[in-house]
Amino acid sequence: KHGVQSSNAPVVMHLDIKDHGNETVLLSITNNYDSSYLRFKGEGVGLENIRNRLRLIYGNGRLLSISAADNTFTASIIIPKRDLQNAI
């Protein structure tokens, strides 16, 4: 519901997981959105919470990236494999 709560059109979400060898796993979630809606006050708290958790678990808050273009929003998280067993 977050980020698309004002959409009158169906929202399609895609989850993509890519294994990048011995180093990392890339998780990406993509959904469509209506760029004509105004952003809500207080937005971004959830994303900042994710960055803080990644910083606590992996020592790096820059593992989350977000982008918005052509009415498509993408959030991607890089998970270092060397720490994957410790995070579970």
C-alpha atoms as a PDB file:
ATOM      1  CA  LYS A   1       0.000   0.000   0.000  1.00  0.00           C
ATOM      2  CA  HIS A   2       2.910   2.372   0.633  1.00  0.00           C
ATOM      3  CA  GLY A   3       3.633   4.700  -2.250  1.00  0.00           C
ATOM      4  CA  VAL A   4       0.644   3.589  -4.311  1.00  0.00           C
ATOM      5  CA  GLN A   5      -2.252   4.163  -1.920  1.00  0.00           C
ATOM      6  CA  SER A   6      -3.776   6.874  -4.137  1.00  0.00           C
ATOM      7  CA  SER A   7      -3.667   4.908  -7.364  1.00  0.00           C
ATOM      8  CA  ASN A   8      -6.984   4.347  -9.099  1.00  0.00           C
ATOM      9  CA  ALA A   9      -5.374   1.917 -11.539  1.00  0.00           C
ATOM     10  CA  PRO A  10      -4.213  -1.618 -10.725  1.00  0.00           C
ATOM     11  CA  VAL A  11      -0.675  -1.702  -9.345  1.00  0.00           C
ATOM     12  CA  VAL A  12       1.596  -4.406 -10.714  1.00  0.00           C
ATOM     13  CA  MET A  13       4.607  -5.407  -8.628  1.00  0.00           C
ATOM     14  CA  HIS A  14       7.595  -7.456  -9.766  1.00  0.00           C
ATOM     15  CA  LEU A  15      10.204  -9.109  -7.585  1.00  0.00           C
ATOM     16  CA  ASP A  16      13.529  -9.941  -9.199  1.00  0.00           C
ATOM     17  CA  ILE A  17      16.379 -11.792  -7.472  1.00  0.00           C
ATOM     18  CA  LYS A  18      19.791 -12.021  -9.109  1.00  0.00           C
ATOM     19  CA  ASP A  19      22.710 -14.059  -7.850  1.00  0.00           C
ATOM     20  CA  HIS A  20      25.959 -12.218  -8.545  1.00  0.00           C
ATOM     21  CA  GLY A  21      28.381 -15.067  -7.974  1.00  0.00           C
ATOM     22  CA  ASN A  22      30.204 -15.343  -4.672  1.00  0.00           C
ATOM     23  CA  GLU A  23      29.805 -11.672  -3.761  1.00  0.00           C
ATOM     24  CA  THR A  24      26.193 -10.488  -3.605  1.00  0.00           C
ATOM     25  CA  VAL A  25      22.513 -11.127  -4.175  1.00  0.00           C
ATOM     26  CA  LEU A  26      20.444  -8.294  -5.686  1.00  0.00           C
ATOM     27  CA  LEU A  27      16.765  -8.027  -4.723  1.00  0.00           C
ATOM     28  CA  SER A  28      14.681  -5.582  -6.779  1.00  0.00           C
ATOM     29  CA  ILE A  29      11.027  -4.698  -6.364  1.00  0.00           C
ATOM     30  CA  THR A  30       9.405  -2.674  -9.142  1.00  0.00           C
ATOM     31  CA  ASN A  31       5.898  -1.256  -9.357  1.00  0.00           C
ATOM     32  CA  ASN A  32       4.001   1.205 -11.481  1.00  0.00           C
ATOM     33  CA  TYR A  33       2.707   4.443  -9.945  1.00  0.00           C
ATOM     34  CA  ASP A  34       0.812   7.548 -10.984  1.00  0.00           C
ATOM     35  CA  SER A  35       3.289  10.436 -10.953  1.00  0.00           C
ATOM     36  CA  SER A  36       0.469  12.995 -10.962  1.00  0.00           C
ATOM     37  CA  TYR A  37      -0.310  12.350  -7.277  1.00  0.00           C
ATOM     38  CA  LEU A  38       1.409  14.581  -4.761  1.00  0.00           C
ATOM     39  CA  ARG A  39       3.823  13.012  -2.340  1.00  0.00           C
ATOM     40  CA  PHE A  40       2.552  12.543   1.179  1.00  0.00           C
ATOM     41  CA  LYS A  41       4.009  14.234   4.214  1.00  0.00           C
ATOM     42  CA  GLY A  42       6.276  11.940   6.194  1.00  0.00           C
ATOM     43  CA  GLU A  43       7.153   9.776   3.207  1.00  0.00           C
ATOM     44  CA  GLY A  44      10.466   7.996   3.167  1.00  0.00           C
ATOM     45  CA  VAL A  45      10.451   6.889   6.816  1.00  0.00           C
ATOM     46  CA  GLY A  46      10.129   3.232   5.827  1.00  0.00           C
ATOM     47  CA  LEU A  47      13.002   3.496   3.365  1.00  0.00           C
ATOM     48  CA  GLU A  48      15.167   5.201   5.976  1.00  0.00           C
ATOM     49  CA  ASN A  49      14.317   2.404   8.431  1.00  0.00           C
ATOM     50  CA  ILE A  50      15.485  -0.150   5.864  1.00  0.00           C
ATOM     51  CA  ARG A  51      18.752   1.769   5.369  1.00  0.00           C
ATOM     52  CA  ASN A  52      19.283   1.828   9.133  1.00  0.00           C
ATOM     53  CA  ARG A  53      18.675  -1.912   9.420  1.00  0.00           C
ATOM     54  CA  LEU A  54      21.108  -2.622   6.584  1.00  0.00           C
ATOM     55  CA  ARG A  55      23.652  -0.421   8.354  1.00  0.00           C
ATOM     56  CA  LEU A  56      23.158  -2.374  11.598  1.00  0.00           C
ATOM     57  CA  ILE A  57      23.304  -5.813   9.952  1.00  0.00           C
ATOM     58  CA  TYR A  58      25.962  -5.246   7.271  1.00  0.00           C
ATOM     59  CA  GLY A  59      27.696  -2.057   8.397  1.00  0.00           C
ATOM     60  CA  ASN A  60      26.610  -0.300   5.208  1.00  0.00           C
ATOM     61  CA  GLY A  61      23.529   1.903   4.791  1.00  0.00           C
ATOM     62  CA  ARG A  62      24.104   2.353   1.066  1.00  0.00           C
ATOM     63  CA  LEU A  63      22.935  -1.127   0.098  1.00  0.00           C
ATOM     64  CA  LEU A  64      19.440   0.201  -0.700  1.00  0.00           C
ATOM     65  CA  SER A  65      18.871   2.236  -3.843  1.00  0.00           C
ATOM     66  CA  ILE A  66      15.637   3.687  -5.174  1.00  0.00           C
ATOM     67  CA  SER A  67      14.698   5.188  -8.498  1.00  0.00           C
ATOM     68  CA  ALA A  68      11.585   6.515 -10.179  1.00  0.00           C
ATOM     69  CA  ALA A  69      11.295   6.998 -13.939  1.00  0.00           C
ATOM     70  CA  ASP A  70       8.579   6.615 -16.559  1.00  0.00           C
ATOM     71  CA  ASN A  71       5.933   5.947 -13.864  1.00  0.00           C
ATOM     72  CA  THR A  72       7.940   3.001 -12.525  1.00  0.00           C
ATOM     73  CA  PHE A  73       9.384   2.903  -9.015  1.00  0.00           C
ATOM     74  CA  THR A  74      12.239   0.522  -8.205  1.00  0.00           C
ATOM     75  CA  ALA A  75      13.777  -0.331  -4.849  1.00  0.00           C
ATOM     76  CA  SER A  76      16.891  -2.527  -4.917  1.00  0.00           C
ATOM     77  CA  ILE A  77      18.841  -4.063  -2.063  1.00  0.00           C
ATOM     78  CA  ILE A  78      22.316  -5.552  -2.409  1.00  0.00           C
ATOM     79  CA  ILE A  79      22.957  -8.295   0.133  1.00  0.00           C
ATOM     80  CA  PRO A  80      26.578  -9.320   0.649  1.00  0.00           C
ATOM     81  CA  LYS A  81      26.819 -13.122   0.577  1.00  0.00           C
ATOM     82  CA  ARG A  82      29.691 -13.245   3.002  1.00  0.00           C
ATOM     83  CA  ASP A  83      27.319 -11.946   5.679  1.00  0.00           C
ATOM     84  CA  LEU A  84      24.174 -13.725   4.515  1.00  0.00           C
ATOM     85  CA  GLN A  85      24.450 -16.628   6.970  1.00  0.00           C
ATOM     86  CA  ASN A  86      24.971 -14.246   9.871  1.00  0.00           C
ATOM     87  CA  ALA A  87      21.860 -12.224   8.968  1.00  0.00           C
ATOM     88  CA  ILE A  88      19.484 -15.204   9.077  1.00  0.00           C
END
